[in-house]
Every structure is written in structure tokens, then in C-alpha cells.
Amino acid sequence: MFKHLLLIVLCLLPLGLTAQTQPKFGYMNYAEVLKSMPQYAEAETNLAILRSKYDAEIRRSEDEFTRKYAEFLQEQKDFPHNIMVKRHKELQELMEKSIAFKNEINATLETARDKMLEPLTAELNDAISRVALKYSLDYVVNTEEKNYLYINPMSGIDITGEVETELGIARPAETPATVPATTENAQ
């Protein structure tokens, strides 16, 4: 009898171990939740204002280059060779400075965006951590890039709604399907 019981326990032991070691995970679209945060719209508005200021300066710089280039084209036939070469170099330098400025602006805007979103991402990461701990999840998968063709709902859970609740984000209510008006409904 003891041998049979021991044999049954030994046979069932691997089943119990696999059930305990199977990871439990959550999944969500990080960018979607981030963009649904109210502060995100404010950060994007501030970034758009900053971008418009830089765009105005770029336009001014481009207008200056266009004006000088048009002058150069008009007057080049009257210039001696050494003046024409000098003006050409000036235009080349102006164009290179303009390109460098545009690259600097792009880097500045990227840094500004990261800085504006830093408190939001920290808050979102904290909310994800709280939800993951609440459900004893081993990890959370970001489905944003669609790298996962299939997620088994028996192994993983969609934590989007829970994270949004942690952040105080109200999901829009489901709108009921509208019934098309018929002659019977209209009467």
C-alpha cells in the first residue's frame, strides 16, 4: 500500500512542479496607455509650442539663404573669379550651419520630449509594477510593436484596464449599437 501511494505521489510530482513553474505574465500596449494619460496631451502641446518656435527660426534661416543665393545667381556674372569663389564658400558655410542647426534642433526636441515624458513614464511604470505585484505576475510584455503574434489568455492577462485604473484614467463607456430606423421604429 505504501509503495502504491509513493508511486502515485512520484507520478503526480512532475505535474505539480510544472504548474508551479509556469510563468504568469501580463501584457499591455505601453504607448497606448501613455497616450491616454491626461498629462500626455499637455506635454505634447508644450512640445508643439517649442517646435513651432524652432520652425520659425528655421524658416528665417532658410529665407536668408534663399535671398543670398538669389543675389549670388543674379550677380555672379559680374564677379571676378576670386569673389565668386568667396561668395560660393559663404553660401556653402551658411547651408552647412543651417543643416547643423536643424540637427541640433532635432536633438534638442528629442531631449525636451524625453524630459517632458519622464514623470509620466515613471508614473506609468509604477502603476504597472503595482498591478504586476497585485496579480503576482512574473513579467509584463509590451505589445506595442506587435512582436507577439499570439498570447495565450490562459497564461497571460491583459492588464491595460487595471493599469489605467491605477492611473485614474477613465475608459470611455461602451456605446450601444444603434438600431437603424425602420418604418416600424419611426412610428
Protein backbone atom coordinates (compact mmCIF):
# COMPACT_ATOMS: atom_id res chain seq x y z
CA MET A 1 0.00 0.00 0.00
CA PHE A 2 2.80 2.42 0.92
CA LYS A 3 4.61 1.62 -2.34
CA HIS A 4 1.45 2.40 -4.36
CA LEU A 5 0.96 5.69 -2.57
CA LEU A 6 4.62 6.58 -3.08
CA LEU A 7 4.35 5.68 -6.78
CA ILE A 8 1.25 7.88 -7.21
CA VAL A 9 2.94 10.80 -5.45
CA LEU A 10 6.06 10.42 -7.60
CA CYS A 11 3.95 10.29 -10.76
CA LEU A 12 1.98 13.40 -9.81
CA LEU A 13 5.03 15.35 -8.62
CA PRO A 14 6.13 16.46 -12.12
CA LEU A 15 2.63 17.76 -12.83
CA GLY A 16 2.68 19.85 -9.67
CA LEU A 17 6.14 21.22 -10.48
CA THR A 18 5.19 22.31 -13.98
CA ALA A 19 2.10 24.07 -12.71
CA GLN A 20 4.21 25.96 -10.18
CA THR A 21 7.00 26.89 -12.59
CA GLN A 22 4.83 28.04 -15.49
CA PRO A 23 5.32 31.78 -15.65
CA LYS A 24 2.35 34.04 -15.28
CA PHE A 25 2.61 37.27 -17.18
CA GLY A 26 0.68 40.38 -18.08
CA TYR A 27 0.56 42.22 -21.33
CA MET A 28 -0.41 45.69 -22.48
CA ASN A 29 0.33 48.33 -25.10
CA TYR A 30 2.64 50.77 -23.29
CA ALA A 31 2.33 53.63 -25.79
CA GLU A 32 -1.46 53.38 -25.88
CA VAL A 33 -1.74 53.73 -22.11
CA LEU A 34 0.88 56.50 -22.02
CA LYS A 35 -1.03 58.48 -24.65
CA SER A 36 -4.27 58.05 -22.72
CA MET A 37 -2.81 59.84 -19.69
CA PRO A 38 -4.19 63.42 -19.42
CA GLN A 39 -0.71 64.85 -18.82
CA TYR A 40 0.45 63.39 -22.14
CA ALA A 41 -1.68 65.81 -24.15
CA GLU A 42 -0.28 68.72 -22.12
CA ALA A 43 3.30 67.55 -22.76
CA GLU A 44 2.60 67.19 -26.48
CA THR A 45 1.08 70.70 -26.58
CA ASN A 46 4.15 72.16 -24.85
CA LEU A 47 6.39 70.30 -27.28
CA ALA A 48 4.39 71.61 -30.27
CA ILE A 49 4.80 75.18 -28.98
CA LEU A 50 8.55 74.67 -28.66
CA ARG A 51 8.70 73.06 -32.10
CA SER A 52 6.84 76.00 -33.68
CA LYS A 53 9.40 78.44 -32.25
CA TYR A 54 12.25 76.42 -33.73
CA ASP A 55 10.38 76.06 -37.03
CA ALA A 56 10.07 79.84 -37.24
CA GLU A 57 13.83 80.21 -36.78
CA ILE A 58 14.47 77.55 -39.42
CA ARG A 59 12.19 79.38 -41.87
CA ARG A 60 14.01 82.65 -41.17
CA SER A 61 17.35 80.96 -41.79
CA GLU A 62 16.11 79.32 -44.99
CA ASP A 63 14.70 82.62 -46.23
CA GLU A 64 18.05 84.29 -45.60
CA PHE A 65 19.85 81.55 -47.51
CA THR A 66 17.37 81.75 -50.40
CA ARG A 67 17.77 85.53 -50.59
CA LYS A 68 21.58 85.32 -50.59
CA TYR A 69 21.56 82.53 -53.14
CA ALA A 70 19.26 84.51 -55.46
CA GLU A 71 21.59 87.52 -55.13
CA PHE A 72 24.57 85.30 -55.88
CA LEU A 73 22.92 83.90 -59.01
CA GLN A 74 21.99 87.38 -60.23
CA GLU A 75 25.38 88.94 -59.61
CA GLN A 76 27.74 86.05 -60.33
CA LYS A 77 28.32 87.02 -63.96
CA ASP A 78 29.68 90.40 -62.82
CA PHE A 79 32.05 88.98 -60.18
CA PRO A 80 35.71 88.28 -60.71
CA HIS A 81 36.56 84.63 -60.13
CA ASN A 82 38.00 85.08 -56.60
CA ILE A 83 34.87 86.99 -55.38
CA MET A 84 32.61 84.35 -56.90
CA VAL A 85 34.57 81.60 -55.11
CA LYS A 86 34.40 83.57 -51.83
CA ARG A 87 30.61 84.05 -52.12
CA HIS A 88 30.15 80.40 -53.05
CA LYS A 89 32.07 79.38 -49.92
CA GLU A 90 29.92 81.74 -47.83
CA LEU A 91 26.76 80.11 -49.19
CA GLN A 92 28.21 76.67 -48.55
CA GLU A 93 29.02 77.62 -44.93
CA LEU A 94 25.56 79.10 -44.47
CA MET A 95 23.99 75.90 -45.76
CA GLU A 96 26.18 73.72 -43.51
CA LYS A 97 25.31 75.87 -40.48
CA SER A 98 21.64 75.55 -41.35
CA ILE A 99 21.89 71.76 -41.55
CA ALA A 100 23.83 71.62 -38.27
CA PHE A 101 21.21 73.85 -36.63
CA LYS A 102 18.38 71.57 -37.85
CA ASN A 103 20.19 68.53 -36.43
CA GLU A 104 20.74 70.37 -33.15
CA ILE A 105 17.05 71.30 -33.03
CA ASN A 106 16.00 67.69 -33.61
CA ALA A 107 18.25 66.53 -30.79
CA THR A 108 17.00 69.33 -28.53
CA LEU A 109 13.37 68.48 -29.26
CA GLU A 110 14.00 64.79 -28.61
CA THR A 111 15.66 65.63 -25.28
CA ALA A 112 12.81 68.01 -24.39
CA ARG A 113 10.23 65.33 -25.23
CA ASP A 114 12.04 62.76 -23.10
CA LYS A 115 12.26 65.24 -20.22
CA MET A 116 8.56 66.15 -20.50
CA LEU A 117 7.51 62.50 -20.59
CA GLU A 118 9.91 61.34 -17.87
CA PRO A 119 7.48 61.90 -14.96
CA LEU A 120 4.68 60.26 -16.98
CA THR A 121 6.72 57.18 -17.79
CA ALA A 122 7.83 56.91 -14.16
CA GLU A 123 4.19 57.09 -13.03
CA LEU A 124 3.15 54.54 -15.65
CA ASN A 125 5.99 52.19 -14.71
CA ASP A 126 4.97 52.44 -11.05
CA ALA A 127 1.36 51.62 -11.93
CA ILE A 128 2.50 48.62 -13.99
CA SER A 129 4.61 47.43 -11.07
CA ARG A 130 1.68 47.73 -8.64
CA VAL A 131 -0.62 45.78 -10.94
CA ALA A 132 2.04 43.14 -11.60
CA LEU A 133 2.57 42.69 -7.85
CA LYS A 134 -1.19 42.59 -7.25
CA TYR A 135 -1.54 39.66 -9.67
CA SER A 136 1.83 38.08 -8.76
CA LEU A 137 3.00 38.36 -12.35
CA ASP A 138 6.49 37.27 -13.26
CA TYR A 139 6.77 39.86 -16.02
CA VAL A 140 4.79 42.22 -18.24
CA VAL A 141 5.03 42.16 -22.03
CA ASN A 142 4.71 45.33 -24.12
CA THR A 143 2.55 44.53 -27.16
CA GLU A 144 3.19 47.94 -28.74
CA GLU A 145 5.49 46.70 -31.50
CA LYS A 146 3.26 43.69 -32.35
CA ASN A 147 6.19 41.31 -31.91
CA TYR A 148 3.86 38.77 -30.34
CA LEU A 149 1.64 37.06 -32.85
CA TYR A 150 -0.25 35.17 -30.18
CA ILE A 151 -0.57 35.41 -26.42
CA ASN A 152 -2.34 32.56 -24.67
CA PRO A 153 -5.01 34.10 -22.44
CA MET A 154 -4.66 31.11 -20.11
CA SER A 155 -1.04 32.06 -19.38
CA GLY A 156 -1.14 35.84 -19.65
CA ILE A 157 -3.62 38.52 -18.72
CA ASP A 158 -4.31 41.86 -20.35
CA ILE A 159 -3.54 44.38 -17.61
CA THR A 160 -4.35 47.51 -19.63
CA GLY A 161 -7.59 48.28 -17.80
CA GLU A 162 -6.03 47.64 -14.39
CA VAL A 163 -3.08 49.94 -15.14
CA GLU A 164 -5.43 52.66 -16.39
CA THR A 165 -7.47 52.29 -13.19
CA GLU A 166 -4.26 52.62 -11.13
CA LEU A 167 -3.52 55.83 -13.02
CA GLY A 168 -7.05 57.16 -12.55
CA ILE A 169 -7.77 57.07 -16.27
CA ALA A 170 -11.43 56.62 -17.04
CA ARG A 171 -12.08 54.42 -20.04
CA PRO A 172 -14.77 55.67 -22.41
CA ALA A 173 -18.05 53.86 -21.86
CA GLU A 174 -19.04 51.36 -24.48
CA THR A 175 -21.61 52.93 -26.76
CA PRO A 176 -24.55 50.66 -27.51
CA ALA A 177 -25.04 49.66 -31.10
CA THR A 178 -27.52 51.92 -32.77
CA VAL A 179 -30.58 50.32 -34.26
CA PRO A 180 -31.27 51.52 -37.77
CA ALA A 181 -34.53 53.40 -38.04
CA THR A 182 -37.25 51.50 -39.82
CA THR A 183 -40.76 52.50 -40.61
CA GLU A 184 -41.96 50.49 -37.60
CA ASN A 185 -39.45 52.14 -35.23
CA ALA A 186 -40.18 55.59 -36.58
CA GLN A 187 -43.89 55.39 -35.75
